[in-house]
Amino acid sequence: MRTIKFSLVALATLLTVGASAQIGIQAGYSSSTQTVTGSLLGVTATSKVTMNGFHVGPVAEMTVQGPISLQYGLLYNYLTATESNIKTVAHELDLPVRIAASFPVGNGLNLFAFGGPNFNYAISQKTGDGDNMYSQELNGKKIVSPFDVQLGAGAGLKYNSLILKVGYDWGLLNKSSIDNTTFKSNALKISLAYMF
């Protein structure tokens, strides 16, 4: 229920602010790398899981002044990984808010660079027939937080209404509540968008 409320608030915000912005749809490839580092009796161990999939959702761009614009959206991510014949499936929502600078390079063609925060909410992540990782608790406290703040940067090309871009987001928060353990997520996106 909380996830539905978050999605509705984010969508309402997009539509309200989007009243004076160019609105479009974005889809593409997503890759998320989760890194867990833990220490026990002075020994530190690190494990990584990389999940691949796709993202899709509405996006908007609002001109601030001159070549500077604000890019934002609400993206759904479907991610999977298979290790030792065991499949992991994750569902996440992203709310990226980026400042972009655009540079014309030809007739209708612009090169742009962007940066800014991404607010990520993990709806679920299940491995095999297991429980949702984000709903598991220890001593009444969630083991892994579903919320993350990431800092991202990237670049792209815009030709009339079509946009091709690549971006990377670095996780800023430790999502683990276990002592001496860190859980961070980084994400890569390669996207194609059409602006109406």
N, C-alpha and C. Protein backbone atom coordinates (compact mmCIF):
# COMPACT_ATOMS: atom_id res chain seq x y z
N MET A 1 0.82 -1.20 0.00
CA MET A 1 0.00 0.00 0.00
C MET A 1 0.87 1.27 0.00
N ARG A 2 1.98 1.20 0.78
CA ARG A 2 2.88 2.34 0.84
C ARG A 2 3.49 2.64 -0.52
N THR A 3 3.79 1.56 -1.25
CA THR A 3 4.39 1.70 -2.58
C THR A 3 3.41 2.38 -3.53
N ILE A 4 2.14 2.01 -3.46
CA ILE A 4 1.12 2.60 -4.32
C ILE A 4 0.98 4.09 -4.01
N LYS A 5 0.98 4.44 -2.73
CA LYS A 5 0.88 5.86 -2.34
C LYS A 5 2.07 6.65 -2.85
N PHE A 6 3.29 6.07 -2.70
CA PHE A 6 4.50 6.73 -3.18
C PHE A 6 4.41 6.97 -4.68
N SER A 7 3.96 5.95 -5.42
CA SER A 7 3.84 6.07 -6.88
C SER A 7 2.84 7.14 -7.28
N LEU A 8 1.70 7.18 -6.59
CA LEU A 8 0.67 8.17 -6.92
C LEU A 8 1.12 9.59 -6.61
N VAL A 9 1.81 9.78 -5.49
CA VAL A 9 2.33 11.11 -5.14
C VAL A 9 3.37 11.55 -6.17
N ALA A 10 4.27 10.64 -6.53
CA ALA A 10 5.31 10.97 -7.52
C ALA A 10 4.70 11.29 -8.87
N LEU A 11 3.69 10.52 -9.30
CA LEU A 11 3.03 10.76 -10.58
C LEU A 11 2.28 12.09 -10.57
N ALA A 12 1.60 12.39 -9.46
CA ALA A 12 0.88 13.67 -9.35
C ALA A 12 1.85 14.84 -9.41
N THR A 13 3.01 14.69 -8.76
CA THR A 13 4.03 15.74 -8.81
C THR A 13 4.53 15.95 -10.23
N LEU A 14 4.78 14.85 -10.92
CA LEU A 14 5.24 14.94 -12.31
C LEU A 14 4.22 15.65 -13.19
N LEU A 15 2.96 15.28 -13.04
CA LEU A 15 1.92 15.88 -13.89
C LEU A 15 1.70 17.35 -13.57
N THR A 16 1.80 17.72 -12.29
CA THR A 16 1.61 19.11 -11.89
C THR A 16 2.74 19.99 -12.43
N VAL A 17 3.98 19.56 -12.17
CA VAL A 17 5.12 20.32 -12.64
C VAL A 17 5.21 20.24 -14.16
N GLY A 18 4.76 19.10 -14.71
CA GLY A 18 4.83 18.87 -16.15
C GLY A 18 3.88 19.71 -16.96
N ALA A 19 3.00 20.47 -16.29
CA ALA A 19 2.06 21.30 -17.03
C ALA A 19 2.77 22.32 -17.91
N SER A 20 3.97 22.75 -17.50
CA SER A 20 4.73 23.72 -18.30
C SER A 20 5.96 23.09 -18.92
N ALA A 21 5.98 21.77 -19.01
CA ALA A 21 7.16 21.06 -19.51
C ALA A 21 6.80 20.19 -20.71
N GLN A 22 7.83 19.78 -21.42
CA GLN A 22 7.66 18.83 -22.51
C GLN A 22 7.65 17.43 -21.89
N ILE A 23 6.63 16.64 -22.20
CA ILE A 23 6.45 15.33 -21.59
C ILE A 23 6.70 14.24 -22.63
N GLY A 24 7.25 13.11 -22.17
CA GLY A 24 7.52 12.01 -23.08
C GLY A 24 7.50 10.67 -22.37
N ILE A 25 7.95 9.65 -23.09
CA ILE A 25 8.04 8.30 -22.54
C ILE A 25 9.46 7.79 -22.76
N GLN A 26 10.00 7.12 -21.76
CA GLN A 26 11.38 6.62 -21.83
C GLN A 26 11.40 5.13 -21.54
N ALA A 27 12.27 4.40 -22.24
CA ALA A 27 12.45 2.97 -22.00
C ALA A 27 13.88 2.61 -22.35
N GLY A 28 14.35 1.49 -21.80
CA GLY A 28 15.70 1.06 -22.13
C GLY A 28 16.24 0.02 -21.19
N TYR A 29 17.54 -0.19 -21.31
CA TYR A 29 18.27 -1.21 -20.55
C TYR A 29 18.64 -0.68 -19.17
N SER A 30 18.52 -1.54 -18.16
CA SER A 30 18.93 -1.22 -16.79
C SER A 30 19.85 -2.29 -16.26
N SER A 31 20.85 -1.88 -15.49
CA SER A 31 21.73 -2.81 -14.79
C SER A 31 21.97 -2.27 -13.39
N SER A 32 21.82 -3.12 -12.40
CA SER A 32 22.01 -2.70 -11.02
C SER A 32 23.02 -3.62 -10.35
N THR A 33 24.04 -3.03 -9.73
CA THR A 33 25.05 -3.80 -9.01
C THR A 33 24.90 -3.53 -7.52
N GLN A 34 24.62 -4.60 -6.77
CA GLN A 34 24.46 -4.51 -5.32
C GLN A 34 25.74 -5.05 -4.67
N THR A 35 26.34 -4.25 -3.80
CA THR A 35 27.57 -4.65 -3.12
C THR A 35 27.32 -4.72 -1.62
N VAL A 36 27.62 -5.89 -1.05
CA VAL A 36 27.47 -6.09 0.40
C VAL A 36 28.86 -6.33 0.97
N THR A 37 29.24 -5.54 1.97
CA THR A 37 30.52 -5.69 2.64
C THR A 37 30.26 -5.85 4.13
N GLY A 38 30.84 -6.91 4.70
CA GLY A 38 30.64 -7.17 6.12
C GLY A 38 31.93 -7.54 6.82
N SER A 39 31.99 -7.25 8.11
CA SER A 39 33.17 -7.58 8.91
C SER A 39 32.77 -8.46 10.08
N LEU A 40 33.54 -9.53 10.28
CA LEU A 40 33.30 -10.42 11.40
C LEU A 40 34.65 -10.89 11.93
N LEU A 41 34.91 -10.65 13.21
CA LEU A 41 36.17 -11.03 13.86
C LEU A 41 37.38 -10.51 13.10
N GLY A 42 37.28 -9.27 12.63
CA GLY A 42 38.40 -8.63 11.96
C GLY A 42 38.57 -9.02 10.50
N VAL A 43 37.71 -9.90 9.98
CA VAL A 43 37.79 -10.32 8.58
C VAL A 43 36.68 -9.63 7.80
N THR A 44 37.07 -8.97 6.70
CA THR A 44 36.10 -8.26 5.86
C THR A 44 35.89 -9.03 4.57
N ALA A 45 34.62 -9.23 4.21
CA ALA A 45 34.28 -9.94 2.97
C ALA A 45 33.31 -9.08 2.17
N THR A 46 33.46 -9.15 0.85
CA THR A 46 32.59 -8.38 -0.05
C THR A 46 31.99 -9.31 -1.09
N SER A 47 30.69 -9.12 -1.34
CA SER A 47 30.03 -9.88 -2.42
C SER A 47 29.24 -8.91 -3.28
N LYS A 48 29.19 -9.25 -4.59
CA LYS A 48 28.48 -8.39 -5.54
C LYS A 48 27.49 -9.22 -6.33
N VAL A 49 26.34 -8.63 -6.61
CA VAL A 49 25.33 -9.23 -7.48
C VAL A 49 24.96 -8.18 -8.52
N THR A 50 25.03 -8.55 -9.79
CA THR A 50 24.62 -7.64 -10.86
C THR A 50 23.36 -8.18 -11.51
N MET A 51 22.32 -7.35 -11.52
CA MET A 51 21.05 -7.72 -12.14
C MET A 51 20.84 -6.87 -13.39
N ASN A 52 20.28 -7.46 -14.42
CA ASN A 52 20.02 -6.77 -15.67
C ASN A 52 18.54 -6.83 -16.01
N GLY A 53 18.07 -5.85 -16.76
CA GLY A 53 16.66 -5.83 -17.15
C GLY A 53 16.34 -4.59 -17.95
N PHE A 54 15.15 -4.05 -17.68
CA PHE A 54 14.71 -2.88 -18.43
C PHE A 54 14.01 -1.89 -17.52
N HIS A 55 13.84 -0.66 -18.04
CA HIS A 55 13.07 0.36 -17.33
C HIS A 55 12.12 1.03 -18.33
N VAL A 56 11.04 1.58 -17.81
CA VAL A 56 10.07 2.29 -18.64
C VAL A 56 9.28 3.25 -17.77
N GLY A 57 8.88 4.38 -18.36
CA GLY A 57 8.05 5.30 -17.60
C GLY A 57 7.99 6.68 -18.23
N PRO A 58 7.13 7.54 -17.67
CA PRO A 58 6.99 8.91 -18.18
C PRO A 58 8.16 9.78 -17.74
N VAL A 59 8.56 10.71 -18.62
CA VAL A 59 9.63 11.66 -18.31
C VAL A 59 9.19 13.05 -18.76
N ALA A 60 9.87 14.06 -18.25
CA ALA A 60 9.55 15.44 -18.63
C ALA A 60 10.82 16.27 -18.61
N GLU A 61 10.80 17.34 -19.38
CA GLU A 61 11.92 18.27 -19.41
C GLU A 61 11.38 19.68 -19.42
N MET A 62 11.88 20.50 -18.51
CA MET A 62 11.43 21.87 -18.38
C MET A 62 12.63 22.81 -18.52
N THR A 63 12.56 23.74 -19.46
CA THR A 63 13.64 24.70 -19.66
C THR A 63 13.70 25.66 -18.48
N VAL A 64 14.90 25.82 -17.91
CA VAL A 64 15.09 26.74 -16.78
C VAL A 64 15.53 28.10 -17.31
N GLN A 65 16.62 28.11 -18.05
CA GLN A 65 17.11 29.35 -18.67
C GLN A 65 18.19 28.98 -19.67
N GLY A 66 18.07 29.51 -20.88
CA GLY A 66 19.06 29.26 -21.92
C GLY A 66 19.22 27.77 -22.18
N PRO A 67 20.47 27.28 -22.11
CA PRO A 67 20.70 25.85 -22.39
C PRO A 67 20.46 24.93 -21.19
N ILE A 68 20.07 25.51 -20.04
CA ILE A 68 19.88 24.73 -18.82
C ILE A 68 18.43 24.29 -18.69
N SER A 69 18.24 23.00 -18.39
CA SER A 69 16.89 22.46 -18.22
C SER A 69 16.86 21.51 -17.03
N LEU A 70 15.65 21.20 -16.60
CA LEU A 70 15.40 20.24 -15.52
C LEU A 70 14.77 19.01 -16.15
N GLN A 71 15.40 17.85 -15.98
CA GLN A 71 14.86 16.58 -16.48
C GLN A 71 14.43 15.73 -15.30
N TYR A 72 13.25 15.13 -15.39
CA TYR A 72 12.76 14.29 -14.30
C TYR A 72 11.82 13.25 -14.86
N GLY A 73 11.47 12.26 -14.05
CA GLY A 73 10.60 11.19 -14.51
C GLY A 73 10.23 10.25 -13.39
N LEU A 74 9.47 9.23 -13.74
CA LEU A 74 9.10 8.15 -12.82
C LEU A 74 9.26 6.86 -13.60
N LEU A 75 10.29 6.08 -13.25
CA LEU A 75 10.65 4.90 -14.03
C LEU A 75 10.48 3.63 -13.22
N TYR A 76 9.85 2.64 -13.85
CA TYR A 76 9.73 1.30 -13.27
C TYR A 76 10.87 0.44 -13.81
N ASN A 77 11.55 -0.29 -12.92
CA ASN A 77 12.65 -1.17 -13.30
C ASN A 77 12.29 -2.62 -13.01
N TYR A 78 12.54 -3.50 -13.99
CA TYR A 78 12.41 -4.94 -13.81
C TYR A 78 13.81 -5.51 -14.00
N LEU A 79 14.35 -6.17 -12.97
CA LEU A 79 15.73 -6.65 -12.99
C LEU A 79 15.80 -8.12 -12.60
N THR A 80 16.70 -8.86 -13.27
CA THR A 80 16.87 -10.28 -12.93
C THR A 80 18.35 -10.65 -12.92
N ALA A 81 18.64 -11.73 -12.20
CA ALA A 81 19.99 -12.33 -12.20
C ALA A 81 19.80 -13.81 -11.91
N THR A 82 20.65 -14.64 -12.53
CA THR A 82 20.62 -16.08 -12.28
C THR A 82 22.00 -16.54 -11.87
N GLU A 83 22.07 -17.18 -10.71
CA GLU A 83 23.34 -17.70 -10.21
C GLU A 83 23.10 -19.09 -9.66
N SER A 84 23.86 -20.05 -10.14
CA SER A 84 23.70 -21.47 -9.75
C SER A 84 22.27 -21.94 -9.99
N ASN A 85 21.71 -21.55 -11.13
CA ASN A 85 20.33 -21.92 -11.54
C ASN A 85 19.26 -21.39 -10.60
N ILE A 86 19.60 -20.40 -9.78
CA ILE A 86 18.61 -19.77 -8.90
C ILE A 86 18.40 -18.35 -9.39
N LYS A 87 17.15 -18.01 -9.66
CA LYS A 87 16.83 -16.70 -10.26
C LYS A 87 16.42 -15.70 -9.19
N THR A 88 16.94 -14.48 -9.32
CA THR A 88 16.55 -13.36 -8.48
C THR A 88 15.79 -12.37 -9.35
N VAL A 89 14.65 -11.90 -8.85
CA VAL A 89 13.82 -10.92 -9.58
C VAL A 89 13.57 -9.72 -8.68
N ALA A 90 13.83 -8.52 -9.22
CA ALA A 90 13.63 -7.29 -8.45
C ALA A 90 12.74 -6.32 -9.21
N HIS A 91 11.93 -5.57 -8.47
CA HIS A 91 11.07 -4.52 -9.01
C HIS A 91 11.39 -3.24 -8.24
N GLU A 92 11.72 -2.16 -8.97
CA GLU A 92 12.09 -0.90 -8.33
C GLU A 92 11.47 0.28 -9.04
N LEU A 93 11.34 1.39 -8.30
CA LEU A 93 10.89 2.66 -8.88
C LEU A 93 12.00 3.69 -8.73
N ASP A 94 12.20 4.48 -9.78
CA ASP A 94 13.18 5.57 -9.75
C ASP A 94 12.47 6.89 -9.98
N LEU A 95 12.90 7.90 -9.24
CA LEU A 95 12.44 9.27 -9.45
C LEU A 95 13.69 10.13 -9.65
N PRO A 96 14.21 10.17 -10.91
CA PRO A 96 15.40 10.98 -11.17
C PRO A 96 15.05 12.46 -11.31
N VAL A 97 15.90 13.33 -10.76
CA VAL A 97 15.76 14.78 -10.89
C VAL A 97 17.13 15.30 -11.32
N ARG A 98 17.24 15.73 -12.59
CA ARG A 98 18.55 16.09 -13.15
C ARG A 98 18.57 17.51 -13.68
N ILE A 99 19.70 18.15 -13.52
CA ILE A 99 19.97 19.42 -14.19
C ILE A 99 20.77 19.08 -15.44
N ALA A 100 20.34 19.58 -16.60
CA ALA A 100 21.01 19.28 -17.86
C ALA A 100 21.45 20.55 -18.56
N ALA A 101 22.58 20.45 -19.26
CA ALA A 101 23.08 21.55 -20.10
C ALA A 101 23.17 21.03 -21.52
N SER A 102 22.55 21.75 -22.45
CA SER A 102 22.45 21.30 -23.84
C SER A 102 23.31 22.17 -24.75
N PHE A 103 23.93 21.52 -25.75
CA PHE A 103 24.80 22.22 -26.69
C PHE A 103 24.43 21.83 -28.11
N PRO A 104 23.96 22.78 -28.96
CA PRO A 104 23.62 22.44 -30.34
C PRO A 104 24.86 22.06 -31.14
N VAL A 105 24.74 20.96 -31.92
CA VAL A 105 25.88 20.51 -32.74
C VAL A 105 25.51 20.40 -34.22
N GLY A 106 24.25 20.60 -34.56
CA GLY A 106 23.84 20.49 -35.96
C GLY A 106 22.37 20.80 -36.12
N ASN A 107 21.86 20.56 -37.29
CA ASN A 107 20.47 20.84 -37.60
C ASN A 107 19.54 19.93 -36.80
N GLY A 108 18.94 20.46 -35.73
CA GLY A 108 18.02 19.69 -34.89
C GLY A 108 18.70 18.73 -33.94
N LEU A 109 20.04 18.72 -33.91
CA LEU A 109 20.79 17.78 -33.08
C LEU A 109 21.47 18.53 -31.94
N ASN A 110 21.27 18.04 -30.71
CA ASN A 110 21.87 18.64 -29.52
C ASN A 110 22.58 17.57 -28.70
N LEU A 111 23.73 17.95 -28.16
CA LEU A 111 24.46 17.12 -27.22
C LEU A 111 24.17 17.68 -25.83
N PHE A 112 23.92 16.80 -24.84
CA PHE A 112 23.67 17.31 -23.49
C PHE A 112 24.35 16.44 -22.44
N ALA A 113 24.63 17.06 -21.31
CA ALA A 113 25.17 16.38 -20.14
C ALA A 113 24.25 16.67 -18.97
N PHE A 114 24.12 15.72 -18.06
CA PHE A 114 23.20 15.91 -16.93
C PHE A 114 23.78 15.34 -15.65
N GLY A 115 23.25 15.81 -14.53
CA GLY A 115 23.64 15.30 -13.23
C GLY A 115 22.61 15.66 -12.19
N GLY A 116 22.58 14.89 -11.12
CA GLY A 116 21.64 15.17 -10.04
C GLY A 116 21.22 13.91 -9.32
N PRO A 117 20.32 14.03 -8.36
CA PRO A 117 19.92 12.88 -7.55
C PRO A 117 18.90 11.98 -8.25
N ASN A 118 18.89 10.74 -7.78
CA ASN A 118 17.86 9.78 -8.15
C ASN A 118 17.34 9.17 -6.84
N PHE A 119 16.04 9.21 -6.67
CA PHE A 119 15.41 8.64 -5.48
C PHE A 119 14.86 7.28 -5.87
N ASN A 120 15.43 6.22 -5.27
CA ASN A 120 15.10 4.85 -5.65
C ASN A 120 14.31 4.18 -4.53
N TYR A 121 13.23 3.47 -4.92
CA TYR A 121 12.44 2.71 -3.95
C TYR A 121 12.31 1.28 -4.47
N ALA A 122 12.83 0.32 -3.71
CA ALA A 122 12.76 -1.09 -4.10
C ALA A 122 11.44 -1.68 -3.63
N ILE A 123 10.60 -2.07 -4.58
CA ILE A 123 9.30 -2.65 -4.24
C ILE A 123 9.49 -4.05 -3.69
N SER A 124 10.30 -4.86 -4.40
CA SER A 124 10.58 -6.21 -3.92
C SER A 124 11.82 -6.77 -4.59
N GLN A 125 12.41 -7.77 -3.94
CA GLN A 125 13.50 -8.54 -4.52
C GLN A 125 13.44 -9.93 -3.92
N LYS A 126 13.16 -10.92 -4.77
CA LYS A 126 13.02 -12.30 -4.30
C LYS A 126 14.01 -13.20 -5.04
N THR A 127 14.62 -14.12 -4.30
CA THR A 127 15.52 -15.10 -4.87
C THR A 127 14.86 -16.47 -4.75
N GLY A 128 14.69 -17.14 -5.90
CA GLY A 128 14.01 -18.44 -5.90
C GLY A 128 12.60 -18.28 -5.39
N ASP A 129 12.21 -19.14 -4.46
CA ASP A 129 10.87 -19.07 -3.85
C ASP A 129 10.92 -18.35 -2.51
N GLY A 130 11.98 -17.58 -2.28
CA GLY A 130 12.15 -16.91 -0.99
C GLY A 130 11.25 -15.71 -0.80
N ASP A 131 11.34 -15.14 0.39
CA ASP A 131 10.55 -13.97 0.74
C ASP A 131 11.16 -12.71 0.14
N ASN A 132 10.38 -11.65 0.14
CA ASN A 132 10.86 -10.35 -0.31
C ASN A 132 11.96 -9.88 0.64
N MET A 133 13.17 -9.65 0.11
CA MET A 133 14.31 -9.22 0.91
C MET A 133 14.00 -7.96 1.71
N TYR A 134 13.19 -7.07 1.13
CA TYR A 134 12.94 -5.78 1.76
C TYR A 134 11.86 -5.82 2.83
N SER A 135 11.22 -6.98 3.02
CA SER A 135 10.22 -7.09 4.09
C SER A 135 10.74 -7.90 5.27
N GLN A 136 11.94 -8.46 5.17
CA GLN A 136 12.51 -9.26 6.25
C GLN A 136 12.97 -8.36 7.39
N GLU A 137 12.72 -8.83 8.62
CA GLU A 137 13.05 -8.04 9.81
C GLU A 137 13.90 -8.84 10.78
N LEU A 138 14.67 -8.11 11.59
CA LEU A 138 15.46 -8.69 12.67
C LEU A 138 15.26 -7.79 13.88
N ASN A 139 14.75 -8.37 14.97
CA ASN A 139 14.45 -7.62 16.19
C ASN A 139 13.51 -6.44 15.91
N GLY A 140 12.50 -6.66 15.05
CA GLY A 140 11.50 -5.64 14.76
C GLY A 140 11.97 -4.53 13.83
N LYS A 141 13.17 -4.69 13.24
CA LYS A 141 13.72 -3.67 12.35
C LYS A 141 14.03 -4.30 11.00
N LYS A 142 13.71 -3.59 9.91
CA LYS A 142 13.99 -4.11 8.57
C LYS A 142 15.49 -4.31 8.39
N ILE A 143 15.87 -5.47 7.84
CA ILE A 143 17.28 -5.78 7.63
C ILE A 143 17.86 -4.89 6.53
N VAL A 144 17.10 -4.72 5.44
CA VAL A 144 17.54 -3.89 4.32
C VAL A 144 16.47 -2.85 4.03
N SER A 145 16.86 -1.59 3.99
CA SER A 145 15.92 -0.51 3.68
C SER A 145 15.59 -0.52 2.19
N PRO A 146 14.32 -0.33 1.82
CA PRO A 146 13.96 -0.27 0.40
C PRO A 146 14.26 1.08 -0.25
N PHE A 147 14.57 2.09 0.57
CA PHE A 147 14.77 3.45 0.04
C PHE A 147 16.25 3.75 -0.13
N ASP A 148 16.58 4.41 -1.24
CA ASP A 148 17.97 4.79 -1.50
C ASP A 148 18.00 6.15 -2.19
N VAL A 149 19.05 6.89 -1.92
CA VAL A 149 19.32 8.14 -2.65
C VAL A 149 20.62 7.90 -3.41
N GLN A 150 20.57 8.16 -4.70
CA GLN A 150 21.74 7.97 -5.56
C GLN A 150 22.11 9.30 -6.20
N LEU A 151 23.39 9.43 -6.54
CA LEU A 151 23.86 10.61 -7.25
C LEU A 151 24.30 10.14 -8.64
N GLY A 152 23.72 10.78 -9.67
CA GLY A 152 23.98 10.31 -11.02
C GLY A 152 24.51 11.37 -11.95
N ALA A 153 25.09 10.89 -13.06
CA ALA A 153 25.59 11.76 -14.12
C ALA A 153 25.53 10.99 -15.43
N GLY A 154 25.49 11.74 -16.52
CA GLY A 154 25.45 11.08 -17.82
C GLY A 154 25.43 12.08 -18.95
N ALA A 155 25.24 11.55 -20.14
CA ALA A 155 25.23 12.39 -21.34
C ALA A 155 24.32 11.76 -22.38
N GLY A 156 23.98 12.56 -23.40
CA GLY A 156 23.12 12.02 -24.44
C GLY A 156 23.03 12.92 -25.65
N LEU A 157 22.25 12.45 -26.61
CA LEU A 157 21.97 13.18 -27.84
C LEU A 157 20.48 13.36 -27.98
N LYS A 158 20.07 14.56 -28.42
CA LYS A 158 18.66 14.81 -28.69
C LYS A 158 18.54 15.26 -30.15
N TYR A 159 17.71 14.52 -30.91
CA TYR A 159 17.45 14.89 -32.30
C TYR A 159 15.94 15.11 -32.43
N ASN A 160 15.55 16.37 -32.55
CA ASN A 160 14.14 16.76 -32.58
C ASN A 160 13.43 16.18 -31.36
N SER A 161 12.56 15.18 -31.51
CA SER A 161 11.80 14.63 -30.37
C SER A 161 12.40 13.36 -29.79
N LEU A 162 13.48 12.86 -30.38
CA LEU A 162 14.11 11.62 -29.91
C LEU A 162 15.33 11.92 -29.05
N ILE A 163 15.46 11.16 -27.96
CA ILE A 163 16.58 11.34 -27.04
C ILE A 163 17.23 9.98 -26.78
N LEU A 164 18.54 9.93 -26.92
CA LEU A 164 19.33 8.75 -26.56
C LEU A 164 20.29 9.18 -25.47
N LYS A 165 20.27 8.47 -24.32
CA LYS A 165 21.16 8.88 -23.24
C LYS A 165 21.67 7.70 -22.43
N VAL A 166 22.81 7.94 -21.78
CA VAL A 166 23.44 6.95 -20.91
C VAL A 166 23.73 7.64 -19.58
N GLY A 167 23.38 6.98 -18.49
CA GLY A 167 23.62 7.56 -17.17
C GLY A 167 23.99 6.51 -16.15
N TYR A 168 24.71 6.95 -15.11
CA TYR A 168 25.12 6.05 -14.04
C TYR A 168 24.80 6.70 -12.70
N ASP A 169 24.24 5.91 -11.78
CA ASP A 169 23.87 6.40 -10.45
C ASP A 169 24.65 5.65 -9.39
N TRP A 170 25.27 6.39 -8.46
CA TRP A 170 26.02 5.81 -7.36
C TRP A 170 25.17 5.89 -6.09
N GLY A 171 24.98 4.76 -5.41
CA GLY A 171 24.21 4.73 -4.17
C GLY A 171 24.94 5.44 -3.05
N LEU A 172 24.24 6.35 -2.36
CA LEU A 172 24.85 7.14 -1.29
C LEU A 172 24.57 6.57 0.10
N LEU A 173 23.48 5.81 0.23
CA LEU A 173 23.06 5.32 1.55
C LEU A 173 23.49 3.88 1.79
N ASN A 174 23.79 3.57 3.05
CA ASN A 174 23.97 2.19 3.47
C ASN A 174 22.58 1.65 3.78
N LYS A 175 22.10 0.72 2.96
CA LYS A 175 20.74 0.21 3.11
C LYS A 175 20.61 -0.89 4.17
N SER A 176 21.75 -1.32 4.73
CA SER A 176 21.73 -2.39 5.73
C SER A 176 21.60 -1.82 7.14
N SER A 177 20.83 -2.53 7.97
CA SER A 177 20.70 -2.12 9.38
C SER A 177 21.54 -3.01 10.29
N ILE A 178 22.27 -3.96 9.70
CA ILE A 178 23.10 -4.88 10.48
C ILE A 178 24.45 -4.22 10.77
N ASP A 179 24.91 -4.35 12.02
CA ASP A 179 26.19 -3.76 12.43
C ASP A 179 27.34 -4.30 11.58
N ASN A 180 28.30 -3.44 11.28
CA ASN A 180 29.51 -3.80 10.53
C ASN A 180 29.22 -4.32 9.12
N THR A 181 28.07 -3.95 8.57
CA THR A 181 27.70 -4.39 7.21
C THR A 181 27.21 -3.19 6.41
N THR A 182 27.67 -3.10 5.17
CA THR A 182 27.15 -2.07 4.27
C THR A 182 26.53 -2.73 3.05
N PHE A 183 25.45 -2.14 2.58
CA PHE A 183 24.73 -2.62 1.40
C PHE A 183 24.47 -1.40 0.53
N LYS A 184 25.11 -1.35 -0.65
CA LYS A 184 24.95 -0.21 -1.55
C LYS A 184 24.58 -0.69 -2.95
N SER A 185 23.82 0.16 -3.65
CA SER A 185 23.39 -0.17 -5.02
C SER A 185 23.81 0.93 -5.97
N ASN A 186 24.41 0.54 -7.09
CA ASN A 186 24.73 1.44 -8.19
C ASN A 186 23.96 0.98 -9.42
N ALA A 187 23.64 1.90 -10.32
CA ALA A 187 22.82 1.53 -11.47
C ALA A 187 23.27 2.22 -12.75
N LEU A 188 23.19 1.46 -13.85
CA LEU A 188 23.49 1.97 -15.18
C LEU A 188 22.21 1.91 -16.01
N LYS A 189 21.96 2.98 -16.77
CA LYS A 189 20.80 3.00 -17.66
C LYS A 189 21.21 3.50 -19.04
N ILE A 190 20.75 2.79 -20.07
CA ILE A 190 20.88 3.23 -21.46
C ILE A 190 19.45 3.38 -21.97
N SER A 191 19.07 4.59 -22.35
CA SER A 191 17.65 4.90 -22.59
C SER A 191 17.39 5.53 -23.94
N LEU A 192 16.19 5.29 -24.42
CA LEU A 192 15.67 5.96 -25.60
C LEU A 192 14.35 6.60 -25.18
N ALA A 193 14.19 7.88 -25.44
CA ALA A 193 12.96 8.59 -25.05
C ALA A 193 12.37 9.30 -26.26
N TYR A 194 11.04 9.44 -26.24
CA TYR A 194 10.35 10.20 -27.26
C TYR A 194 9.55 11.29 -26.55
N MET A 195 9.78 12.54 -26.91
CA MET A 195 9.08 13.66 -26.27
C MET A 195 7.95 14.12 -27.18
N PHE A 196 6.77 14.29 -26.59
CA PHE A 196 5.58 14.68 -27.37
C PHE A 196 5.50 16.19 -27.54
